Amino acid sequence: MSFINDNFMLKTKTAQELYEHVKDLPIIDYHCHISPKMIAENYQFKNAFELFLGGDHYKWRAMRGNGVPEEFITGARGSYEKFEKWAQTVPYTMRNPLYHWTHLELARVFGVNELLNPSTAKAIYDECTAKLQTEGYRGQALMKKFNVKVVCTTDDPADSLEFHQQIKDNPFGVKVLPAWRPDKAMVIEKPQQYKEYIQKLSDGHLPAYTLTDPDTFVNGKVDVERDEEIVTADYAEMALGTSVEMKNLTVKEVYTTENEDSSSFGAMTLICEADGVTVSVRTVVFRNADGSLVTEDAYLGKTIDVKGIVDTFDSAYQIKVFTADNITITN
């Protein structure tokens, strides 16, 4: 019996019966690293090295741990030379999932049941490479071969999604959906790289603010479904956390946080009136160009337009403004 067989890792009758019930179900993959470009272009792998090792950092790590020089991993050595070094490493991965993955790939995809090691490397490389040159081993064909119905790729928020559109325009029977993975937004320890990424992310985009009249913000009601019932809720409650714009607010009073031990020291609450209602606007700490605090006199008695986030404080709704640029004095 070959190492990979129908009952691979299924040691009990119950496990084998359960597998029989589910083995033919379609694959719905919510997280994968398949390139949408390769799917859209129905990519054809050049050889066994490119498929097995072209981007598999888990296998690279094992090769490094086995003392393989980097030139045989990501360096300039030839494709078979690199595959051969992987074949030398595979026996040392026994009892590691890499050993199982490798032989599952060989058996399930290529029908190769020999164990990969230095003595079998050339024959396995040649057989797999030859099959990869056929239409049945192109990217889309392989996905259909394994009954894949849905694949969610990992995409950066700044990606154009052009290849997803290409797939949508040229369907092949597998639904390919984008899924966010904003890793680049987390590399704040690399300031220049982070700055360039944030700039790319924001290029051509300005915050979208919903123009809201004061009376709707304070008194507006909306019908919403909760627990299968239609109930009436405050407009501001439903807008909580969203970006709004409000115009022609007259600042009647200003309160400043005066506790010097507070991180909000210098932040202000502007009590505004418009259309017969009162709207509360809360700022963060604003500073002038010389570093001094922006004080109450800057806004008291003025008419302003504001852009901010709907927030709540002491059960009352307010507009939270995060930059001085989002308060415009109009009169």
C-alpha atoms as a PDB file:
ATOM      1  CA  MET A   1       0.000   0.000   0.000  1.00  0.00           C
ATOM      2  CA  SER A   2       1.340   3.436  -0.913  1.00  0.00           C
ATOM      3  CA  PHE A   3       2.043   6.018   1.784  1.00  0.00           C
ATOM      4  CA  ILE A   4      -0.842   8.189   0.538  1.00  0.00           C
ATOM      5  CA  ASN A   5      -4.050   6.161   0.250  1.00  0.00           C
ATOM      6  CA  ASP A   6      -7.806   6.596   0.723  1.00  0.00           C
ATOM      7  CA  ASN A   7      -7.489   6.085   4.471  1.00  0.00           C
ATOM      8  CA  PHE A   8      -4.412   8.231   4.966  1.00  0.00           C
ATOM      9  CA  MET A   9      -4.369   9.331   8.636  1.00  0.00           C
ATOM     10  CA  LEU A  10      -7.841   7.799   9.199  1.00  0.00           C
ATOM     11  CA  LYS A  11      -7.162   5.204  11.873  1.00  0.00           C
ATOM     12  CA  THR A  12     -10.694   4.261  12.899  1.00  0.00           C
ATOM     13  CA  LYS A  13     -13.739   2.954  11.069  1.00  0.00           C
ATOM     14  CA  THR A  14     -15.739   5.986  12.202  1.00  0.00           C
ATOM     15  CA  ALA A  15     -13.161   8.362  10.760  1.00  0.00           C
ATOM     16  CA  GLN A  16     -13.178   6.471   7.463  1.00  0.00           C
ATOM     17  CA  GLU A  17     -16.987   6.548   7.265  1.00  0.00           C
ATOM     18  CA  LEU A  18     -17.096  10.268   8.025  1.00  0.00           C
ATOM     19  CA  TYR A  19     -14.529  10.919   5.300  1.00  0.00           C
ATOM     20  CA  GLU A  20     -16.610   8.960   2.783  1.00  0.00           C
ATOM     21  CA  HIS A  21     -19.571  11.248   3.498  1.00  0.00           C
ATOM     22  CA  VAL A  22     -17.668  14.501   2.894  1.00  0.00           C
ATOM     23  CA  LYS A  23     -14.835  13.722   0.472  1.00  0.00           C
ATOM     24  CA  ASP A  24     -16.789  14.758  -2.627  1.00  0.00           C
ATOM     25  CA  LEU A  25     -18.133  18.028  -1.232  1.00  0.00           C
ATOM     26  CA  PRO A  26     -17.009  21.178  -3.064  1.00  0.00           C
ATOM     27  CA  ILE A  27     -14.152  23.266  -1.686  1.00  0.00           C
ATOM     28  CA  ILE A  28     -15.069  26.735  -0.400  1.00  0.00           C
ATOM     29  CA  ASP A  29     -11.774  28.368   0.537  1.00  0.00           C
ATOM     30  CA  TYR A  30     -12.203  31.519   2.637  1.00  0.00           C
ATOM     31  CA  HIS A  31      -8.472  32.245   2.872  1.00  0.00           C
ATOM     32  CA  CYS A  32      -5.736  31.419   0.396  1.00  0.00           C
ATOM     33  CA  HIS A  33      -2.615  32.929  -1.138  1.00  0.00           C
ATOM     34  CA  ILE A  34      -3.339  32.121  -4.766  1.00  0.00           C
ATOM     35  CA  SER A  35      -2.490  35.049  -7.023  1.00  0.00           C
ATOM     36  CA  PRO A  36      -5.619  36.466  -8.707  1.00  0.00           C
ATOM     37  CA  LYS A  37      -3.361  37.409 -11.639  1.00  0.00           C
ATOM     38  CA  MET A  38      -2.353  33.773 -12.113  1.00  0.00           C
ATOM     39  CA  ILE A  39      -5.990  32.670 -11.951  1.00  0.00           C
ATOM     40  CA  ALA A  40      -7.116  35.342 -14.422  1.00  0.00           C
ATOM     41  CA  GLU A  41      -4.346  34.426 -16.868  1.00  0.00           C
ATOM     42  CA  ASN A  42      -4.930  30.673 -16.438  1.00  0.00           C
ATOM     43  CA  TYR A  43      -1.268  30.346 -15.550  1.00  0.00           C
ATOM     44  CA  GLN A  44       0.840  27.424 -16.766  1.00  0.00           C
ATOM     45  CA  PHE A  45       3.711  26.466 -14.468  1.00  0.00           C
ATOM     46  CA  LYS A  46       7.039  26.010 -16.227  1.00  0.00           C
ATOM     47  CA  ASN A  47       8.270  23.073 -14.169  1.00  0.00           C
ATOM     48  CA  ALA A  48       7.926  21.167 -10.921  1.00  0.00           C
ATOM     49  CA  PHE A  49      10.216  23.531  -9.045  1.00  0.00           C
ATOM     50  CA  GLU A  50       8.056  26.575  -9.836  1.00  0.00           C
ATOM     51  CA  LEU A  51       4.895  24.825  -8.646  1.00  0.00           C
ATOM     52  CA  PHE A  52       6.263  23.170  -5.511  1.00  0.00           C
ATOM     53  CA  LEU A  53       8.875  25.694  -4.375  1.00  0.00           C
ATOM     54  CA  GLY A  54       8.439  28.935  -6.299  1.00  0.00           C
ATOM     55  CA  GLY A  55       6.791  30.727  -3.367  1.00  0.00           C
ATOM     56  CA  ASP A  56       6.491  28.251  -0.498  1.00  0.00           C
ATOM     57  CA  HIS A  57       8.313  29.842   2.431  1.00  0.00           C
ATOM     58  CA  TYR A  58       7.519  26.878   4.679  1.00  0.00           C
ATOM     59  CA  LYS A  59       9.604  24.625   2.435  1.00  0.00           C
ATOM     60  CA  TRP A  60      12.301  27.283   2.172  1.00  0.00           C
ATOM     61  CA  ARG A  61      12.518  27.397   5.963  1.00  0.00           C
ATOM     62  CA  ALA A  62      12.934  23.627   6.140  1.00  0.00           C
ATOM     63  CA  MET A  63      15.683  23.730   3.510  1.00  0.00           C
ATOM     64  CA  ARG A  64      17.540  26.429   5.426  1.00  0.00           C
ATOM     65  CA  GLY A  65      17.179  24.391   8.598  1.00  0.00           C
ATOM     66  CA  ASN A  66      18.714  21.464   6.734  1.00  0.00           C
ATOM     67  CA  GLY A  67      21.760  23.540   5.832  1.00  0.00           C
ATOM     68  CA  VAL A  68      20.901  24.145   2.176  1.00  0.00           C
ATOM     69  CA  PRO A  69      22.736  27.243   0.865  1.00  0.00           C
ATOM     70  CA  GLU A  70      20.445  30.146  -0.088  1.00  0.00           C
ATOM     71  CA  GLU A  71      21.562  29.975  -3.727  1.00  0.00           C
ATOM     72  CA  PHE A  72      19.613  26.678  -3.952  1.00  0.00           C
ATOM     73  CA  ILE A  73      16.509  28.190  -2.313  1.00  0.00           C
ATOM     74  CA  THR A  74      15.895  31.705  -3.617  1.00  0.00           C
ATOM     75  CA  GLY A  75      19.197  32.210  -5.430  1.00  0.00           C
ATOM     76  CA  ALA A  76      20.334  31.835  -9.017  1.00  0.00           C
ATOM     77  CA  ARG A  77      20.745  28.064  -9.232  1.00  0.00           C
ATOM     78  CA  GLY A  78      18.768  26.127 -11.846  1.00  0.00           C
ATOM     79  CA  SER A  79      15.252  24.836 -11.280  1.00  0.00           C
ATOM     80  CA  TYR A  80      16.180  21.152 -11.057  1.00  0.00           C
ATOM     81  CA  GLU A  81      19.152  21.870  -8.795  1.00  0.00           C
ATOM     82  CA  LYS A  82      16.798  23.589  -6.357  1.00  0.00           C
ATOM     83  CA  PHE A  83      14.216  20.796  -6.588  1.00  0.00           C
ATOM     84  CA  GLU A  84      16.950  18.247  -5.941  1.00  0.00           C
ATOM     85  CA  LYS A  85      17.946  20.067  -2.747  1.00  0.00           C
ATOM     86  CA  TRP A  86      14.321  19.939  -1.653  1.00  0.00           C
ATOM     87  CA  ALA A  87      14.280  16.203  -2.365  1.00  0.00           C
ATOM     88  CA  GLN A  88      17.337  15.845  -0.119  1.00  0.00           C
ATOM     89  CA  THR A  89      15.516  17.740   2.631  1.00  0.00           C
ATOM     90  CA  VAL A  90      12.148  15.920   2.462  1.00  0.00           C
ATOM     91  CA  PRO A  91      13.224  12.741   4.358  1.00  0.00           C
ATOM     92  CA  TYR A  92      14.292  14.946   7.266  1.00  0.00           C
ATOM     93  CA  THR A  93      10.802  16.447   7.492  1.00  0.00           C
ATOM     94  CA  MET A  94       9.178  13.151   8.498  1.00  0.00           C
ATOM     95  CA  ARG A  95       6.660  13.699  11.334  1.00  0.00           C
ATOM     96  CA  ASN A  96       6.310  17.288  10.108  1.00  0.00           C
ATOM     97  CA  PRO A  97       3.250  18.347   8.047  1.00  0.00           C
ATOM     98  CA  LEU A  98       5.604  19.253   5.195  1.00  0.00           C
ATOM     99  CA  TYR A  99       6.283  15.548   4.663  1.00  0.00           C
ATOM    100  CA  HIS A 100       2.572  14.832   4.387  1.00  0.00           C
ATOM    101  CA  TRP A 101       1.817  17.877   2.228  1.00  0.00           C
ATOM    102  CA  THR A 102       4.555  17.027  -0.232  1.00  0.00           C
ATOM    103  CA  HIS A 103       3.384  13.472  -0.798  1.00  0.00           C
ATOM    104  CA  LEU A 104      -0.283  14.453  -0.839  1.00  0.00           C
ATOM    105  CA  GLU A 105       0.521  16.943  -3.604  1.00  0.00           C
ATOM    106  CA  LEU A 106       2.420  14.338  -5.581  1.00  0.00           C
ATOM    107  CA  ALA A 107      -0.248  11.653  -5.192  1.00  0.00           C
ATOM    108  CA  ARG A 108      -3.450  13.681  -5.484  1.00  0.00           C
ATOM    109  CA  VAL A 109      -2.344  16.096  -8.204  1.00  0.00           C
ATOM    110  CA  PHE A 110       0.109  14.064 -10.261  1.00  0.00           C
ATOM    111  CA  GLY A 111      -0.664  10.436  -9.426  1.00  0.00           C
ATOM    112  CA  VAL A 112       2.919   9.959  -8.210  1.00  0.00           C
ATOM    113  CA  ASN A 113       3.049   7.525  -5.291  1.00  0.00           C
ATOM    114  CA  GLU A 114       6.811   7.199  -4.848  1.00  0.00           C
ATOM    115  CA  LEU A 115       8.381   8.896  -1.843  1.00  0.00           C
ATOM    116  CA  LEU A 116      10.419  11.965  -2.763  1.00  0.00           C
ATOM    117  CA  ASN A 117      14.090  11.570  -1.913  1.00  0.00           C
ATOM    118  CA  PRO A 118      17.421  11.995  -3.743  1.00  0.00           C
ATOM    119  CA  SER A 119      17.059   8.679  -5.617  1.00  0.00           C
ATOM    120  CA  THR A 120      13.584   9.493  -6.982  1.00  0.00           C
ATOM    121  CA  ALA A 121      14.032  13.252  -7.497  1.00  0.00           C
ATOM    122  CA  LYS A 122      14.892  13.234 -11.218  1.00  0.00           C
ATOM    123  CA  ALA A 123      12.108  10.887 -12.291  1.00  0.00           C
ATOM    124  CA  ILE A 124       9.495  12.734 -10.227  1.00  0.00           C
ATOM    125  CA  TYR A 125      10.702  16.118 -11.477  1.00  0.00           C
ATOM    126  CA  ASP A 126      10.532  15.022 -15.114  1.00  0.00           C
ATOM    127  CA  GLU A 127       7.087  13.398 -14.776  1.00  0.00           C
ATOM    128  CA  CYS A 128       5.525  16.374 -12.997  1.00  0.00           C
ATOM    129  CA  THR A 129       7.132  18.887 -15.340  1.00  0.00           C
ATOM    130  CA  ALA A 130       5.829  17.003 -18.393  1.00  0.00           C
ATOM    131  CA  LYS A 131       2.284  16.959 -17.009  1.00  0.00           C
ATOM    132  CA  LEU A 132       2.463  20.665 -16.212  1.00  0.00           C
ATOM    133  CA  GLN A 133       2.885  21.362 -19.937  1.00  0.00           C
ATOM    134  CA  THR A 134      -0.582  19.985 -20.682  1.00  0.00           C
ATOM    135  CA  GLU A 135      -3.862  21.920 -20.618  1.00  0.00           C
ATOM    136  CA  GLY A 136      -5.218  19.804 -17.761  1.00  0.00           C
ATOM    137  CA  TYR A 137      -2.564  21.215 -15.433  1.00  0.00           C
ATOM    138  CA  ARG A 138      -3.086  24.909 -16.060  1.00  0.00           C
ATOM    139  CA  GLY A 139      -4.261  26.995 -13.095  1.00  0.00           C
ATOM    140  CA  GLN A 140      -7.998  27.047 -13.789  1.00  0.00           C
ATOM    141  CA  ALA A 141      -8.097  23.384 -14.763  1.00  0.00           C
ATOM    142  CA  LEU A 142      -6.436  22.360 -11.502  1.00  0.00           C
ATOM    143  CA  MET A 143      -9.008  24.332  -9.507  1.00  0.00           C
ATOM    144  CA  LYS A 144     -11.874  22.642 -11.314  1.00  0.00           C
ATOM    145  CA  LYS A 145     -10.192  19.236 -10.985  1.00  0.00           C
ATOM    146  CA  PHE A 146     -10.478  19.502  -7.212  1.00  0.00           C
ATOM    147  CA  ASN A 147     -14.088  20.731  -7.244  1.00  0.00           C
ATOM    148  CA  VAL A 148     -13.241  24.219  -6.013  1.00  0.00           C
ATOM    149  CA  LYS A 149     -16.350  26.400  -6.012  1.00  0.00           C
ATOM    150  CA  VAL A 150     -15.221  29.526  -4.133  1.00  0.00           C
ATOM    151  CA  VAL A 151     -11.789  31.012  -3.468  1.00  0.00           C
ATOM    152  CA  CYS A 152     -11.148  34.153  -1.413  1.00  0.00           C
ATOM    153  CA  THR A 153      -7.764  35.660  -2.232  1.00  0.00           C
ATOM    154  CA  THR A 154      -5.768  37.849   0.145  1.00  0.00           C
ATOM    155  CA  ASP A 155      -5.753  41.409  -1.173  1.00  0.00           C
ATOM    156  CA  ASP A 156      -4.429  44.700   0.065  1.00  0.00           C
ATOM    157  CA  PRO A 157      -6.997  47.526   0.468  1.00  0.00           C
ATOM    158  CA  ALA A 158      -4.995  49.512  -2.108  1.00  0.00           C
ATOM    159  CA  ASP A 159      -5.096  46.759  -4.741  1.00  0.00           C
ATOM    160  CA  SER A 160      -6.850  47.650  -7.980  1.00  0.00           C
ATOM    161  CA  LEU A 161      -8.725  44.303  -8.139  1.00  0.00           C
ATOM    162  CA  GLU A 162      -8.258  44.438 -11.912  1.00  0.00           C
ATOM    163  CA  PHE A 163      -7.703  40.691 -12.128  1.00  0.00           C
ATOM    164  CA  HIS A 164     -10.849  39.966 -10.130  1.00  0.00           C
ATOM    165  CA  GLN A 165     -12.720  42.043 -12.690  1.00  0.00           C
ATOM    166  CA  GLN A 166     -11.019  40.093 -15.467  1.00  0.00           C
ATOM    167  CA  ILE A 167     -12.136  36.814 -13.890  1.00  0.00           C
ATOM    168  CA  LYS A 168     -15.671  38.144 -13.466  1.00  0.00           C
ATOM    169  CA  ASP A 169     -15.736  39.114 -17.152  1.00  0.00           C
ATOM    170  CA  ASN A 170     -14.408  35.691 -18.180  1.00  0.00           C
ATOM    171  CA  PRO A 171     -15.964  33.174 -15.744  1.00  0.00           C
ATOM    172  CA  PHE A 172     -14.653  29.624 -15.657  1.00  0.00           C
ATOM    173  CA  GLY A 173     -16.909  28.007 -13.063  1.00  0.00           C
ATOM    174  CA  VAL A 174     -15.072  29.015  -9.861  1.00  0.00           C
ATOM    175  CA  LYS A 175     -16.089  32.115  -7.924  1.00  0.00           C
ATOM    176  CA  VAL A 176     -12.997  34.183  -7.020  1.00  0.00           C
ATOM    177  CA  LEU A 177     -13.610  36.872  -4.386  1.00  0.00           C
ATOM    178  CA  PRO A 178     -11.272  39.464  -2.836  1.00  0.00           C
ATOM    179  CA  ALA A 179     -10.661  39.494   0.918  1.00  0.00           C
ATOM    180  CA  TRP A 180      -8.736  42.197   2.741  1.00  0.00           C
ATOM    181  CA  ARG A 181      -5.368  41.519   4.315  1.00  0.00           C
ATOM    182  CA  PRO A 182      -3.954  44.949   5.212  1.00  0.00           C
ATOM    183  CA  ASP A 183      -0.539  43.747   6.402  1.00  0.00           C
ATOM    184  CA  LYS A 184       1.194  46.844   5.010  1.00  0.00           C
ATOM    185  CA  ALA A 185      -0.935  49.028   7.256  1.00  0.00           C
ATOM    186  CA  MET A 186       0.705  47.377  10.290  1.00  0.00           C
ATOM    187  CA  VAL A 187       4.396  48.030   9.512  1.00  0.00           C
ATOM    188  CA  ILE A 188       4.582  51.262  11.488  1.00  0.00           C
ATOM    189  CA  GLU A 189       8.079  50.232  12.662  1.00  0.00           C
ATOM    190  CA  LYS A 190       9.276  51.033   9.095  1.00  0.00           C
ATOM    191  CA  PRO A 191       8.357  54.744   8.904  1.00  0.00           C
ATOM    192  CA  GLN A 192       9.261  55.432   5.277  1.00  0.00           C
ATOM    193  CA  GLN A 193       7.567  52.299   3.965  1.00  0.00           C
ATOM    194  CA  TYR A 194       4.532  53.003   6.142  1.00  0.00           C
ATOM    195  CA  LYS A 195       4.329  56.628   4.967  1.00  0.00           C
ATOM    196  CA  GLU A 196       4.499  55.586   1.290  1.00  0.00           C
ATOM    197  CA  TYR A 197       1.792  52.992   1.801  1.00  0.00           C
ATOM    198  CA  ILE A 198      -0.577  55.371   3.601  1.00  0.00           C
ATOM    199  CA  GLN A 199      -0.028  57.880   0.797  1.00  0.00           C
ATOM    200  CA  LYS A 200      -0.867  55.231  -1.804  1.00  0.00           C
ATOM    201  CA  LEU A 201      -3.931  54.212   0.170  1.00  0.00           C
ATOM    202  CA  SER A 202      -5.212  57.775   0.358  1.00  0.00           C
ATOM    203  CA  ASP A 203      -4.347  58.972  -3.161  1.00  0.00           C
ATOM    204  CA  GLY A 204      -7.452  60.144  -4.960  1.00  0.00           C
ATOM    205  CA  HIS A 205      -9.657  59.596  -1.926  1.00  0.00           C
ATOM    206  CA  LEU A 206     -11.122  62.160   0.440  1.00  0.00           C
ATOM    207  CA  PRO A 207     -13.230  61.289   3.486  1.00  0.00           C
ATOM    208  CA  ALA A 208     -16.908  60.988   2.560  1.00  0.00           C
ATOM    209  CA  TYR A 209     -19.099  63.074   4.856  1.00  0.00           C
ATOM    210  CA  THR A 210     -22.878  62.856   4.795  1.00  0.00           C
ATOM    211  CA  LEU A 211     -24.404  66.315   4.820  1.00  0.00           C
ATOM    212  CA  THR A 212     -26.851  66.305   7.738  1.00  0.00           C
ATOM    213  CA  ASP A 213     -29.163  69.063   8.880  1.00  0.00           C
ATOM    214  CA  PRO A 214     -29.146  69.809  12.643  1.00  0.00           C
ATOM    215  CA  ASP A 215     -32.844  69.080  13.202  1.00  0.00           C
ATOM    216  CA  THR A 216     -32.533  65.612  11.644  1.00  0.00           C
ATOM    217  CA  PHE A 217     -29.462  64.918  13.763  1.00  0.00           C
ATOM    218  CA  VAL A 218     -31.221  65.889  17.000  1.00  0.00           C
ATOM    219  CA  ASN A 219     -34.840  64.901  16.398  1.00  0.00           C
ATOM    220  CA  GLY A 220     -34.761  62.565  13.421  1.00  0.00           C
ATOM    221  CA  LYS A 221     -36.198  59.062  13.736  1.00  0.00           C
ATOM    222  CA  VAL A 222     -35.750  55.998  11.515  1.00  0.00           C
ATOM    223  CA  ASP A 223     -37.493  52.636  11.413  1.00  0.00           C
ATOM    224  CA  VAL A 224     -35.155  49.672  11.806  1.00  0.00           C
ATOM    225  CA  GLU A 225     -35.605  45.937  12.180  1.00  0.00           C
ATOM    226  CA  ARG A 226     -34.558  44.418  15.492  1.00  0.00           C
ATOM    227  CA  ASP A 227     -35.309  40.872  16.554  1.00  0.00           C
ATOM    228  CA  GLU A 228     -37.650  40.540  13.571  1.00  0.00           C
ATOM    229  CA  GLU A 229     -39.652  43.593  14.664  1.00  0.00           C
ATOM    230  CA  ILE A 230     -39.739  47.104  13.202  1.00  0.00           C
ATOM    231  CA  VAL A 231     -38.838  49.649  15.869  1.00  0.00           C
ATOM    232  CA  THR A 232     -38.189  53.393  15.810  1.00  0.00           C
ATOM    233  CA  ALA A 233     -34.658  54.562  16.638  1.00  0.00           C
ATOM    234  CA  ASP A 234     -32.902  57.913  16.860  1.00  0.00           C
ATOM    235  CA  TYR A 235     -31.257  59.029  13.637  1.00  0.00           C
ATOM    236  CA  ALA A 236     -28.043  59.798  15.544  1.00  0.00           C
ATOM    237  CA  GLU A 237     -28.007  56.299  17.051  1.00  0.00           C
ATOM    238  CA  MET A 238     -28.114  54.760  13.579  1.00  0.00           C
ATOM    239  CA  ALA A 239     -25.432  57.198  12.376  1.00  0.00           C
ATOM    240  CA  LEU A 240     -23.108  56.434  15.304  1.00  0.00           C
ATOM    241  CA  GLY A 241     -19.524  56.066  14.081  1.00  0.00           C
ATOM    242  CA  THR A 242     -20.225  57.490  10.608  1.00  0.00           C
ATOM    243  CA  SER A 243     -18.828  60.664   9.061  1.00  0.00           C
ATOM    244  CA  VAL A 244     -21.191  63.659   8.892  1.00  0.00           C
ATOM    245  CA  GLU A 245     -20.996  67.276   7.788  1.00  0.00           C
ATOM    246  CA  MET A 246     -23.089  70.038   9.318  1.00  0.00           C
ATOM    247  CA  LYS A 247     -23.264  73.657   8.198  1.00  0.00           C
ATOM    248  CA  ASN A 248     -24.132  77.028   9.722  1.00  0.00           C
ATOM    249  CA  LEU A 249     -23.782  76.173  13.409  1.00  0.00           C
ATOM    250  CA  THR A 250     -23.553  79.167  15.750  1.00  0.00           C
ATOM    251  CA  VAL A 251     -21.224  78.557  18.692  1.00  0.00           C
ATOM    252  CA  LYS A 252     -23.038  79.771  21.824  1.00  0.00           C
ATOM    253  CA  GLU A 253     -20.802  78.309  24.536  1.00  0.00           C
ATOM    254  CA  VAL A 254     -17.408  76.634  24.761  1.00  0.00           C
ATOM    255  CA  TYR A 255     -16.151  74.382  27.543  1.00  0.00           C
ATOM    256  CA  THR A 256     -12.498  73.403  27.768  1.00  0.00           C
ATOM    257  CA  THR A 257     -11.048  70.384  29.578  1.00  0.00           C
ATOM    258  CA  GLU A 258      -8.863  72.046  32.228  1.00  0.00           C
ATOM    259  CA  ASN A 259      -7.511  69.016  34.063  1.00  0.00           C
ATOM    260  CA  GLU A 260      -3.801  69.143  33.245  1.00  0.00           C
ATOM    261  CA  ASP A 261      -3.427  65.481  34.189  1.00  0.00           C
ATOM    262  CA  SER A 262      -5.913  64.473  31.515  1.00  0.00           C
ATOM    263  CA  SER A 263      -4.862  63.457  28.012  1.00  0.00           C
ATOM    264  CA  SER A 264      -7.772  65.661  26.875  1.00  0.00           C
ATOM    265  CA  PHE A 265      -6.366  68.787  28.517  1.00  0.00           C
ATOM    266  CA  GLY A 266      -7.231  71.626  26.121  1.00  0.00           C
ATOM    267  CA  ALA A 267      -9.910  69.763  24.189  1.00  0.00           C
ATOM    268  CA  MET A 268     -13.119  71.723  23.739  1.00  0.00           C
ATOM    269  CA  THR A 269     -16.867  71.145  23.636  1.00  0.00           C
ATOM    270  CA  LEU A 270     -18.688  73.653  21.442  1.00  0.00           C
ATOM    271  CA  ILE A 271     -22.381  74.110  22.234  1.00  0.00           C
ATOM    272  CA  CYS A 272     -23.928  75.173  18.942  1.00  0.00           C
ATOM    273  CA  GLU A 273     -27.360  76.236  17.782  1.00  0.00           C
ATOM    274  CA  ALA A 274     -28.990  75.999  14.368  1.00  0.00           C
ATOM    275  CA  ASP A 275     -32.572  75.656  13.149  1.00  0.00           C
ATOM    276  CA  GLY A 276     -33.829  75.921  16.722  1.00  0.00           C
ATOM    277  CA  VAL A 277     -31.902  72.918  18.023  1.00  0.00           C
ATOM    278  CA  THR A 278     -28.680  72.477  19.998  1.00  0.00           C
ATOM    279  CA  VAL A 279     -25.786  70.409  18.650  1.00  0.00           C
ATOM    280  CA  SER A 280     -22.710  69.495  20.659  1.00  0.00           C
ATOM    281  CA  VAL A 281     -19.333  69.442  18.867  1.00  0.00           C
ATOM    282  CA  ARG A 282     -16.375  67.867  20.666  1.00  0.00           C
ATOM    283  CA  THR A 283     -12.804  68.502  19.531  1.00  0.00           C
ATOM    284  CA  VAL A 284      -9.546  66.785  20.299  1.00  0.00           C
ATOM    285  CA  VAL A 285      -6.658  68.980  21.460  1.00  0.00           C
ATOM    286  CA  PHE A 286      -5.981  71.579  18.757  1.00  0.00           C
ATOM    287  CA  ARG A 287      -2.691  73.453  18.612  1.00  0.00           C
ATOM    288  CA  ASN A 288      -1.533  76.510  16.706  1.00  0.00           C
ATOM    289  CA  ALA A 289       1.540  76.493  14.469  1.00  0.00           C
ATOM    290  CA  ASP A 290       3.683  77.676  17.401  1.00  0.00           C
ATOM    291  CA  GLY A 291       2.520  74.765  19.556  1.00  0.00           C
ATOM    292  CA  SER A 292       0.198  76.765  21.770  1.00  0.00           C
ATOM    293  CA  LEU A 293      -3.321  75.525  22.475  1.00  0.00           C
ATOM    294  CA  VAL A 294      -6.214  76.735  20.350  1.00  0.00           C
ATOM    295  CA  THR A 295      -8.499  78.421  22.875  1.00  0.00           C
ATOM    296  CA  GLU A 296     -12.205  79.104  23.250  1.00  0.00           C
ATOM    297  CA  ASP A 297     -11.919  82.548  21.648  1.00  0.00           C
ATOM    298  CA  ALA A 298     -11.208  80.928  18.293  1.00  0.00           C
ATOM    299  CA  TYR A 299     -14.800  79.691  18.025  1.00  0.00           C
ATOM    300  CA  LEU A 300     -17.025  81.407  20.588  1.00  0.00           C
ATOM    301  CA  GLY A 301     -19.711  83.484  18.864  1.00  0.00           C
ATOM    302  CA  LYS A 302     -18.671  82.320  15.393  1.00  0.00           C
ATOM    303  CA  THR A 303     -20.683  80.496  12.751  1.00  0.00           C
ATOM    304  CA  ILE A 304     -18.977  77.298  11.678  1.00  0.00           C
ATOM    305  CA  ASP A 305     -19.219  74.326   9.341  1.00  0.00           C
ATOM    306  CA  VAL A 306     -17.979  71.057  10.827  1.00  0.00           C
ATOM    307  CA  LYS A 307     -16.966  67.625   9.586  1.00  0.00           C
ATOM    308  CA  GLY A 308     -16.611  64.790  12.061  1.00  0.00           C
ATOM    309  CA  ILE A 309     -17.703  61.444  13.421  1.00  0.00           C
ATOM    310  CA  VAL A 310     -20.998  60.849  15.231  1.00  0.00           C
ATOM    311  CA  ASP A 311     -20.008  60.037  18.801  1.00  0.00           C
ATOM    312  CA  THR A 312     -21.713  59.690  22.173  1.00  0.00           C
ATOM    313  CA  PHE A 313     -20.858  61.027  25.626  1.00  0.00           C
ATOM    314  CA  ASP A 314     -22.969  60.621  28.775  1.00  0.00           C
ATOM    315  CA  SER A 315     -25.734  59.119  26.624  1.00  0.00           C
ATOM    316  CA  ALA A 316     -25.888  62.262  24.446  1.00  0.00           C
ATOM    317  CA  TYR A 317     -24.894  62.302  20.779  1.00  0.00           C
ATOM    318  CA  GLN A 318     -22.257  64.707  19.544  1.00  0.00           C
ATOM    319  CA  ILE A 319     -19.984  65.319  16.576  1.00  0.00           C
ATOM    320  CA  LYS A 320     -16.344  64.482  17.273  1.00  0.00           C
ATOM    321  CA  VAL A 321     -13.849  66.521  15.245  1.00  0.00           C
ATOM    322  CA  PHE A 322     -10.259  65.321  14.961  1.00  0.00           C
ATOM    323  CA  THR A 323      -8.505  68.117  13.050  1.00  0.00           C
ATOM    324  CA  ALA A 324      -8.828  71.900  13.136  1.00  0.00           C
ATOM    325  CA  ASP A 325      -9.120  71.841   9.341  1.00  0.00           C
ATOM    326  CA  ASN A 326     -12.539  70.206   9.775  1.00  0.00           C
ATOM    327  CA  ILE A 327     -13.960  73.283  11.476  1.00  0.00           C
ATOM    328  CA  THR A 328     -14.464  76.149   9.022  1.00  0.00           C
ATOM    329  CA  ILE A 329     -15.389  79.565  10.353  1.00  0.00           C
ATOM    330  CA  THR A 330     -17.892  81.074   7.928  1.00  0.00           C
ATOM    331  CA  ASN A 331     -18.915  84.203   9.850  1.00  0.00           C
END
